[in-house]
Each structure stands twice: as structure tokens, then as C-alpha cells.
Amino acid sequence: MNTLIRIIISSLVTLLSFQASAQNNYTITVKVEGAESNDGKMFIALYDTATNFLDKSYKGEVSDIKDRSCTVVFKDIPKGTYAVSMFHDENDNGKLDTNFFGFPSEDYGCSNDARGIMGPPRWKDAKFELKENQSITIHL
């Protein structure tokens, strides 16, 4: 009988712990507007550190484009500091194309509509605090 009670208590503690951790996770809905066309795909990346920003994403999604826009949802994201970047892979070759000087030749953007000056956008300009479910819009 004691063994059965221990198993039940252990199961309840595990279940309550799982529910508590699930309640601390949120969704980030990202809408991208103003694409030049519906051609290709949108590549959207979520970053969780300044060190990895624009280099190694925490999560990523690829989306079709309809009416020159798209929406993706990142689920089960813990509270914290994040930034989003995206690019419109208009020619559908799976990468952000650049010109002779190394500047992007396809549309790109970041959360907070951050733009770089003579270089890529900076983490401090693109970051945001996630404390609840959040929606952001990136304008191209």
C-alpha cells in the first residue's frame, strides 16, 4: 500500500511540475509585411542571446508568402530576451543573396524594425523582453 501511495504522489508532483513549467512558456507570433512579391519563401529566425544573433538561431521557421506577407508562431518559448531576424528568399535558393559588395540583395528585417548602419542590425536594437504571449510585426 505504501508503494502505491508513493507512486501516486510522485506522479502528481511530476504532473504539477510539468504544468507549472508549461505555464511559464509563451508564444511569439511574427508577422512580416510588405514583401515585393509572393515568390520564394520567408526565412524567420528567433535568437536568444546577443552572442548568437544573426549567426545561430534558437528556433527557425520557413513560411510561404501570401498577399505579400506571412505569419509564423514560435511556441513554448520561456520568458527571456529575444530578437527575430528574417529574409525573403525571393529566388527560392535557400540563402540570403548578396551583391558584389556583400550587401543583401534580397529583403531582410529584424524585430523592432531594427536596421544596421553600414552593417547588420545590432542585438541591442532588435531585442525585446518576452513576459507574456507576444506579437511582433516586421515591415519590409
N, C-alpha and C. Protein backbone atom coordinates (compact mmCIF):
# COMPACT_ATOMS: atom_id res chain seq x y z
N MET A 1 0.81 -1.19 0.00
CA MET A 1 0.00 0.00 0.00
C MET A 1 0.87 1.27 0.00
N ASN A 2 1.95 1.26 0.81
CA ASN A 2 2.86 2.40 0.84
C ASN A 2 3.46 2.66 -0.53
N THR A 3 3.80 1.63 -1.26
CA THR A 3 4.38 1.78 -2.59
C THR A 3 3.39 2.45 -3.54
N LEU A 4 2.14 2.06 -3.48
CA LEU A 4 1.11 2.65 -4.32
C LEU A 4 0.95 4.14 -4.01
N ILE A 5 0.95 4.50 -2.74
CA ILE A 5 0.82 5.90 -2.35
C ILE A 5 2.02 6.70 -2.85
N ARG A 6 3.22 6.16 -2.72
CA ARG A 6 4.42 6.85 -3.23
C ARG A 6 4.36 7.06 -4.73
N ILE A 7 3.89 6.07 -5.47
CA ILE A 7 3.77 6.20 -6.93
C ILE A 7 2.76 7.28 -7.28
N ILE A 8 1.64 7.31 -6.59
CA ILE A 8 0.61 8.32 -6.86
C ILE A 8 1.14 9.72 -6.55
N ILE A 9 1.79 9.87 -5.40
CA ILE A 9 2.34 11.17 -5.02
C ILE A 9 3.41 11.60 -6.02
N SER A 10 4.29 10.69 -6.38
CA SER A 10 5.34 11.00 -7.35
C SER A 10 4.74 11.44 -8.68
N SER A 11 3.71 10.75 -9.12
CA SER A 11 3.05 11.08 -10.38
C SER A 11 2.41 12.46 -10.31
N LEU A 12 1.76 12.77 -9.20
CA LEU A 12 1.13 14.08 -9.04
C LEU A 12 2.16 15.20 -9.03
N VAL A 13 3.27 14.99 -8.32
CA VAL A 13 4.32 16.00 -8.27
C VAL A 13 4.89 16.24 -9.67
N THR A 14 5.13 15.17 -10.41
CA THR A 14 5.64 15.29 -11.78
C THR A 14 4.65 16.04 -12.65
N LEU A 15 3.38 15.71 -12.57
CA LEU A 15 2.35 16.36 -13.37
C LEU A 15 2.25 17.84 -13.03
N LEU A 16 2.24 18.18 -11.74
CA LEU A 16 2.15 19.58 -11.34
C LEU A 16 3.39 20.36 -11.76
N SER A 17 4.54 19.74 -11.67
CA SER A 17 5.78 20.38 -12.11
C SER A 17 5.74 20.65 -13.60
N PHE A 18 5.27 19.70 -14.38
CA PHE A 18 5.15 19.87 -15.84
C PHE A 18 4.17 20.99 -16.16
N GLN A 19 3.03 21.04 -15.47
CA GLN A 19 2.04 22.08 -15.72
C GLN A 19 2.60 23.45 -15.36
N ALA A 20 3.35 23.55 -14.28
CA ALA A 20 3.93 24.83 -13.88
C ALA A 20 4.93 25.31 -14.91
N SER A 21 5.77 24.41 -15.42
CA SER A 21 6.75 24.83 -16.42
C SER A 21 6.07 25.20 -17.72
N ALA A 22 5.00 24.52 -18.09
CA ALA A 22 4.27 24.84 -19.33
C ALA A 22 3.62 26.20 -19.22
N GLN A 23 3.21 26.61 -18.00
CA GLN A 23 2.57 27.90 -17.82
C GLN A 23 3.58 29.03 -17.95
N ASN A 24 4.86 28.77 -17.83
CA ASN A 24 5.88 29.80 -17.96
C ASN A 24 6.41 29.91 -19.38
N ASN A 25 5.81 29.20 -20.31
CA ASN A 25 6.22 29.28 -21.70
C ASN A 25 5.17 30.06 -22.48
N TYR A 26 5.63 30.76 -23.50
CA TYR A 26 4.77 31.68 -24.23
C TYR A 26 4.90 31.44 -25.73
N THR A 27 4.11 32.18 -26.48
CA THR A 27 4.21 32.15 -27.94
C THR A 27 4.66 33.52 -28.43
N ILE A 28 5.42 33.49 -29.51
CA ILE A 28 5.80 34.72 -30.21
C ILE A 28 5.25 34.59 -31.62
N THR A 29 4.33 35.45 -31.96
CA THR A 29 3.76 35.47 -33.30
C THR A 29 4.48 36.55 -34.09
N VAL A 30 5.05 36.16 -35.22
CA VAL A 30 5.79 37.10 -36.06
C VAL A 30 5.06 37.26 -37.37
N LYS A 31 4.70 38.50 -37.70
CA LYS A 31 4.08 38.80 -38.98
C LYS A 31 5.05 39.65 -39.77
N VAL A 32 5.27 39.26 -41.02
CA VAL A 32 6.14 40.01 -41.92
C VAL A 32 5.24 40.61 -43.00
N GLU A 33 5.34 41.91 -43.20
CA GLU A 33 4.51 42.62 -44.18
C GLU A 33 5.36 43.39 -45.17
N GLY A 34 4.83 43.55 -46.37
CA GLY A 34 5.45 44.42 -47.36
C GLY A 34 6.45 43.76 -48.28
N ALA A 35 6.34 42.45 -48.47
CA ALA A 35 7.25 41.78 -49.40
C ALA A 35 7.00 42.32 -50.81
N GLU A 36 8.03 42.30 -51.62
CA GLU A 36 7.90 42.78 -53.00
C GLU A 36 7.04 41.87 -53.85
N SER A 37 6.98 40.58 -53.49
CA SER A 37 6.21 39.62 -54.27
C SER A 37 5.85 38.43 -53.38
N ASN A 38 5.09 37.51 -53.94
CA ASN A 38 4.76 36.26 -53.26
C ASN A 38 5.73 35.14 -53.65
N ASP A 39 6.75 35.47 -54.44
CA ASP A 39 7.72 34.48 -54.90
C ASP A 39 8.61 34.02 -53.75
N GLY A 40 9.05 32.78 -53.81
CA GLY A 40 10.01 32.26 -52.83
C GLY A 40 9.39 32.01 -51.48
N LYS A 41 10.22 32.14 -50.44
CA LYS A 41 9.80 31.85 -49.07
C LYS A 41 10.39 32.90 -48.13
N MET A 42 9.81 32.96 -46.93
CA MET A 42 10.36 33.79 -45.86
C MET A 42 11.08 32.88 -44.88
N PHE A 43 12.28 33.22 -44.52
CA PHE A 43 13.06 32.52 -43.50
C PHE A 43 13.06 33.39 -42.26
N ILE A 44 12.52 32.88 -41.16
CA ILE A 44 12.40 33.65 -39.93
C ILE A 44 13.15 32.91 -38.83
N ALA A 45 14.01 33.65 -38.12
CA ALA A 45 14.84 33.06 -37.07
C ALA A 45 14.62 33.79 -35.75
N LEU A 46 14.59 33.01 -34.67
CA LEU A 46 14.47 33.54 -33.32
C LEU A 46 15.80 33.31 -32.61
N TYR A 47 16.32 34.36 -31.98
CA TYR A 47 17.61 34.29 -31.27
C TYR A 47 17.39 34.57 -29.80
N ASP A 48 18.17 33.88 -28.95
CA ASP A 48 18.02 34.06 -27.51
C ASP A 48 19.25 34.64 -26.82
N THR A 49 20.30 34.96 -27.58
CA THR A 49 21.49 35.60 -26.98
C THR A 49 22.11 36.57 -27.97
N ALA A 50 22.78 37.56 -27.44
CA ALA A 50 23.49 38.53 -28.28
C ALA A 50 24.63 37.84 -29.04
N THR A 51 25.26 36.88 -28.38
CA THR A 51 26.38 36.17 -28.98
C THR A 51 25.98 35.43 -30.26
N ASN A 52 24.79 34.84 -30.25
CA ASN A 52 24.34 34.06 -31.41
C ASN A 52 23.55 34.86 -32.43
N PHE A 53 23.25 36.12 -32.14
CA PHE A 53 22.40 36.93 -33.01
C PHE A 53 22.96 36.99 -34.44
N LEU A 54 22.12 36.65 -35.38
CA LEU A 54 22.39 36.62 -36.82
C LEU A 54 23.40 35.53 -37.20
N ASP A 55 23.72 34.65 -36.25
CA ASP A 55 24.66 33.57 -36.54
C ASP A 55 24.03 32.20 -36.31
N LYS A 56 23.56 31.94 -35.12
CA LYS A 56 22.98 30.63 -34.78
C LYS A 56 21.65 30.86 -34.09
N SER A 57 20.57 30.48 -34.76
CA SER A 57 19.24 30.74 -34.22
C SER A 57 18.87 29.75 -33.12
N TYR A 58 18.01 30.21 -32.22
CA TYR A 58 17.42 29.38 -31.18
C TYR A 58 16.33 28.50 -31.79
N LYS A 59 15.50 29.10 -32.65
CA LYS A 59 14.47 28.40 -33.41
C LYS A 59 14.32 29.09 -34.75
N GLY A 60 13.83 28.34 -35.74
CA GLY A 60 13.63 28.93 -37.05
C GLY A 60 12.43 28.33 -37.76
N GLU A 61 11.85 29.11 -38.65
CA GLU A 61 10.70 28.68 -39.45
C GLU A 61 10.88 29.18 -40.87
N VAL A 62 10.33 28.43 -41.81
CA VAL A 62 10.27 28.84 -43.22
C VAL A 62 8.80 28.90 -43.58
N SER A 63 8.39 29.99 -44.21
CA SER A 63 6.97 30.20 -44.49
C SER A 63 6.72 30.55 -45.94
N ASP A 64 5.58 30.10 -46.44
CA ASP A 64 5.10 30.56 -47.73
C ASP A 64 4.64 32.00 -47.58
N ILE A 65 4.49 32.67 -48.70
CA ILE A 65 4.10 34.08 -48.71
C ILE A 65 2.75 34.19 -49.41
N LYS A 66 1.81 34.88 -48.77
CA LYS A 66 0.50 35.13 -49.36
C LYS A 66 0.18 36.59 -49.17
N ASP A 67 -0.32 37.23 -50.20
CA ASP A 67 -0.66 38.65 -50.15
C ASP A 67 0.52 39.48 -49.66
N ARG A 68 1.72 39.10 -50.11
CA ARG A 68 2.97 39.79 -49.81
C ARG A 68 3.28 39.86 -48.31
N SER A 69 2.78 38.84 -47.57
CA SER A 69 3.07 38.78 -46.14
C SER A 69 3.05 37.33 -45.67
N CYS A 70 3.47 37.11 -44.44
CA CYS A 70 3.41 35.78 -43.83
C CYS A 70 3.34 35.93 -42.32
N THR A 71 2.91 34.87 -41.67
CA THR A 71 2.85 34.84 -40.20
C THR A 71 3.36 33.48 -39.73
N VAL A 72 4.25 33.50 -38.75
CA VAL A 72 4.72 32.27 -38.12
C VAL A 72 4.56 32.41 -36.61
N VAL A 73 4.43 31.27 -35.94
CA VAL A 73 4.28 31.26 -34.49
C VAL A 73 5.34 30.36 -33.88
N PHE A 74 6.12 30.94 -32.98
CA PHE A 74 7.08 30.17 -32.18
C PHE A 74 6.38 29.83 -30.87
N LYS A 75 6.27 28.54 -30.56
CA LYS A 75 5.55 28.09 -29.37
C LYS A 75 6.50 27.60 -28.29
N ASP A 76 5.99 27.59 -27.06
CA ASP A 76 6.73 27.07 -25.90
C ASP A 76 8.06 27.77 -25.69
N ILE A 77 8.04 29.09 -25.74
CA ILE A 77 9.25 29.88 -25.56
C ILE A 77 9.28 30.40 -24.12
N PRO A 78 10.35 30.12 -23.38
CA PRO A 78 10.42 30.60 -21.99
C PRO A 78 10.59 32.12 -21.92
N LYS A 79 10.21 32.68 -20.80
CA LYS A 79 10.40 34.10 -20.56
C LYS A 79 11.88 34.43 -20.74
N GLY A 80 12.17 35.58 -21.33
CA GLY A 80 13.55 35.98 -21.53
C GLY A 80 13.69 37.07 -22.57
N THR A 81 14.90 37.27 -23.03
CA THR A 81 15.21 38.30 -24.02
C THR A 81 15.47 37.62 -25.35
N TYR A 82 14.83 38.13 -26.41
CA TYR A 82 14.90 37.52 -27.74
C TYR A 82 15.00 38.59 -28.80
N ALA A 83 15.36 38.17 -29.99
CA ALA A 83 15.32 39.01 -31.18
C ALA A 83 14.95 38.12 -32.36
N VAL A 84 14.37 38.72 -33.37
CA VAL A 84 13.95 37.99 -34.57
C VAL A 84 14.62 38.63 -35.78
N SER A 85 15.08 37.79 -36.70
CA SER A 85 15.52 38.29 -38.00
C SER A 85 14.84 37.46 -39.07
N MET A 86 14.75 38.03 -40.26
CA MET A 86 14.12 37.30 -41.35
C MET A 86 14.69 37.80 -42.67
N PHE A 87 14.53 36.96 -43.69
CA PHE A 87 14.83 37.43 -45.04
C PHE A 87 13.87 36.77 -46.02
N HIS A 88 13.62 37.47 -47.11
CA HIS A 88 12.74 37.00 -48.16
C HIS A 88 13.62 36.35 -49.22
N ASP A 89 13.60 35.03 -49.25
CA ASP A 89 14.36 34.27 -50.25
C ASP A 89 13.54 34.25 -51.54
N GLU A 90 13.56 35.36 -52.24
CA GLU A 90 12.69 35.55 -53.40
C GLU A 90 12.98 34.57 -54.53
N ASN A 91 14.24 34.22 -54.73
CA ASN A 91 14.57 33.28 -55.81
C ASN A 91 14.57 31.83 -55.34
N ASP A 92 14.20 31.61 -54.08
CA ASP A 92 13.99 30.26 -53.52
C ASP A 92 15.23 29.36 -53.62
N ASN A 93 16.41 29.97 -53.35
CA ASN A 93 17.63 29.17 -53.38
C ASN A 93 18.13 28.79 -51.98
N GLY A 94 17.35 29.14 -50.93
CA GLY A 94 17.68 28.73 -49.58
C GLY A 94 18.71 29.57 -48.86
N LYS A 95 19.04 30.73 -49.41
CA LYS A 95 20.02 31.60 -48.74
C LYS A 95 19.73 33.06 -49.05
N LEU A 96 20.29 33.94 -48.22
CA LEU A 96 20.18 35.38 -48.43
C LEU A 96 21.26 35.78 -49.43
N ASP A 97 20.84 36.21 -50.60
CA ASP A 97 21.79 36.60 -51.64
C ASP A 97 22.36 37.99 -51.35
N THR A 98 23.61 38.19 -51.73
CA THR A 98 24.27 39.48 -51.55
C THR A 98 24.84 39.96 -52.88
N ASN A 99 25.11 41.26 -52.94
CA ASN A 99 25.69 41.82 -54.15
C ASN A 99 27.22 41.75 -54.08
N PHE A 100 27.88 42.35 -55.02
CA PHE A 100 29.33 42.34 -55.14
C PHE A 100 30.02 42.86 -53.87
N PHE A 101 29.38 43.82 -53.21
CA PHE A 101 29.97 44.43 -52.01
C PHE A 101 29.59 43.70 -50.72
N GLY A 102 28.79 42.63 -50.83
CA GLY A 102 28.40 41.86 -49.67
C GLY A 102 27.12 42.34 -48.99
N PHE A 103 26.46 43.34 -49.59
CA PHE A 103 25.19 43.82 -49.05
C PHE A 103 24.06 42.93 -49.53
N PRO A 104 23.06 42.68 -48.69
CA PRO A 104 21.94 41.83 -49.11
C PRO A 104 21.23 42.38 -50.35
N SER A 105 20.95 41.49 -51.29
CA SER A 105 20.20 41.88 -52.49
C SER A 105 18.75 41.39 -52.40
N GLU A 106 18.40 40.74 -51.29
CA GLU A 106 17.02 40.33 -51.02
C GLU A 106 16.58 41.04 -49.74
N ASP A 107 15.26 41.27 -49.63
CA ASP A 107 14.74 41.97 -48.46
C ASP A 107 15.02 41.20 -47.18
N TYR A 108 15.28 41.94 -46.12
CA TYR A 108 15.52 41.36 -44.80
C TYR A 108 14.98 42.32 -43.75
N GLY A 109 14.83 41.82 -42.54
CA GLY A 109 14.37 42.68 -41.46
C GLY A 109 14.60 42.03 -40.11
N CYS A 110 14.35 42.83 -39.06
CA CYS A 110 14.52 42.36 -37.68
C CYS A 110 13.39 42.89 -36.82
N SER A 111 13.25 42.27 -35.65
CA SER A 111 12.29 42.77 -34.67
C SER A 111 12.62 44.23 -34.36
N ASN A 112 11.60 44.96 -33.95
CA ASN A 112 11.69 46.40 -33.71
C ASN A 112 12.05 47.17 -34.98
N ASP A 113 11.92 46.50 -36.14
CA ASP A 113 12.32 47.09 -37.42
C ASP A 113 13.73 47.66 -37.37
N ALA A 114 14.60 46.98 -36.60
CA ALA A 114 16.00 47.41 -36.45
C ALA A 114 16.71 47.32 -37.80
N ARG A 115 17.50 48.31 -38.10
CA ARG A 115 18.30 48.36 -39.32
C ARG A 115 19.74 48.70 -38.95
N GLY A 116 20.66 48.11 -39.65
CA GLY A 116 22.06 48.42 -39.42
C GLY A 116 22.48 49.64 -40.22
N ILE A 117 23.48 50.33 -39.70
CA ILE A 117 24.07 51.46 -40.43
C ILE A 117 25.47 51.01 -40.81
N MET A 118 25.68 50.83 -42.09
CA MET A 118 26.97 50.35 -42.60
C MET A 118 27.31 48.97 -42.02
N GLY A 119 26.30 48.14 -41.86
CA GLY A 119 26.49 46.79 -41.34
C GLY A 119 25.16 46.20 -40.93
N PRO A 120 25.20 45.01 -40.37
CA PRO A 120 23.95 44.36 -39.98
C PRO A 120 23.31 45.04 -38.77
N PRO A 121 22.02 44.79 -38.55
CA PRO A 121 21.36 45.31 -37.35
C PRO A 121 22.04 44.77 -36.09
N ARG A 122 21.92 45.52 -35.00
CA ARG A 122 22.56 45.14 -33.74
C ARG A 122 21.53 44.52 -32.80
N TRP A 123 22.00 43.58 -31.97
CA TRP A 123 21.17 42.91 -30.97
C TRP A 123 20.43 43.93 -30.12
N LYS A 124 21.14 44.94 -29.65
CA LYS A 124 20.52 45.90 -28.72
C LYS A 124 19.35 46.65 -29.37
N ASP A 125 19.35 46.76 -30.69
CA ASP A 125 18.26 47.44 -31.39
C ASP A 125 17.09 46.50 -31.71
N ALA A 126 17.37 45.21 -31.80
CA ALA A 126 16.34 44.23 -32.20
C ALA A 126 15.74 43.47 -31.03
N LYS A 127 16.38 43.48 -29.89
CA LYS A 127 15.94 42.63 -28.77
C LYS A 127 14.64 43.14 -28.14
N PHE A 128 13.94 42.20 -27.51
CA PHE A 128 12.72 42.52 -26.76
C PHE A 128 12.59 41.52 -25.63
N GLU A 129 11.85 41.92 -24.59
CA GLU A 129 11.63 41.07 -23.43
C GLU A 129 10.32 40.30 -23.62
N LEU A 130 10.38 39.00 -23.44
CA LEU A 130 9.20 38.15 -23.52
C LEU A 130 8.73 37.84 -22.10
N LYS A 131 7.56 38.38 -21.74
CA LYS A 131 6.98 38.17 -20.41
C LYS A 131 5.58 37.60 -20.51
N GLU A 132 5.04 37.58 -21.72
CA GLU A 132 3.70 37.07 -22.00
C GLU A 132 3.64 36.77 -23.48
N ASN A 133 2.55 36.17 -23.94
CA ASN A 133 2.42 35.93 -25.37
C ASN A 133 2.57 37.25 -26.10
N GLN A 134 3.32 37.23 -27.19
CA GLN A 134 3.65 38.48 -27.85
C GLN A 134 3.51 38.36 -29.35
N SER A 135 3.07 39.44 -29.99
CA SER A 135 3.02 39.54 -31.44
C SER A 135 3.91 40.69 -31.88
N ILE A 136 4.70 40.42 -32.91
CA ILE A 136 5.52 41.49 -33.46
C ILE A 136 5.32 41.52 -34.97
N THR A 137 5.50 42.69 -35.55
CA THR A 137 5.38 42.86 -37.00
C THR A 137 6.69 43.43 -37.52
N ILE A 138 7.19 42.82 -38.59
CA ILE A 138 8.39 43.32 -39.26
C ILE A 138 7.94 43.87 -40.61
N HIS A 139 8.29 45.13 -40.87
CA HIS A 139 7.92 45.79 -42.12
C HIS A 139 9.11 45.80 -43.07
N LEU A 140 8.87 45.33 -44.27
CA LEU A 140 9.94 45.35 -45.28
C LEU A 140 9.86 46.63 -46.08
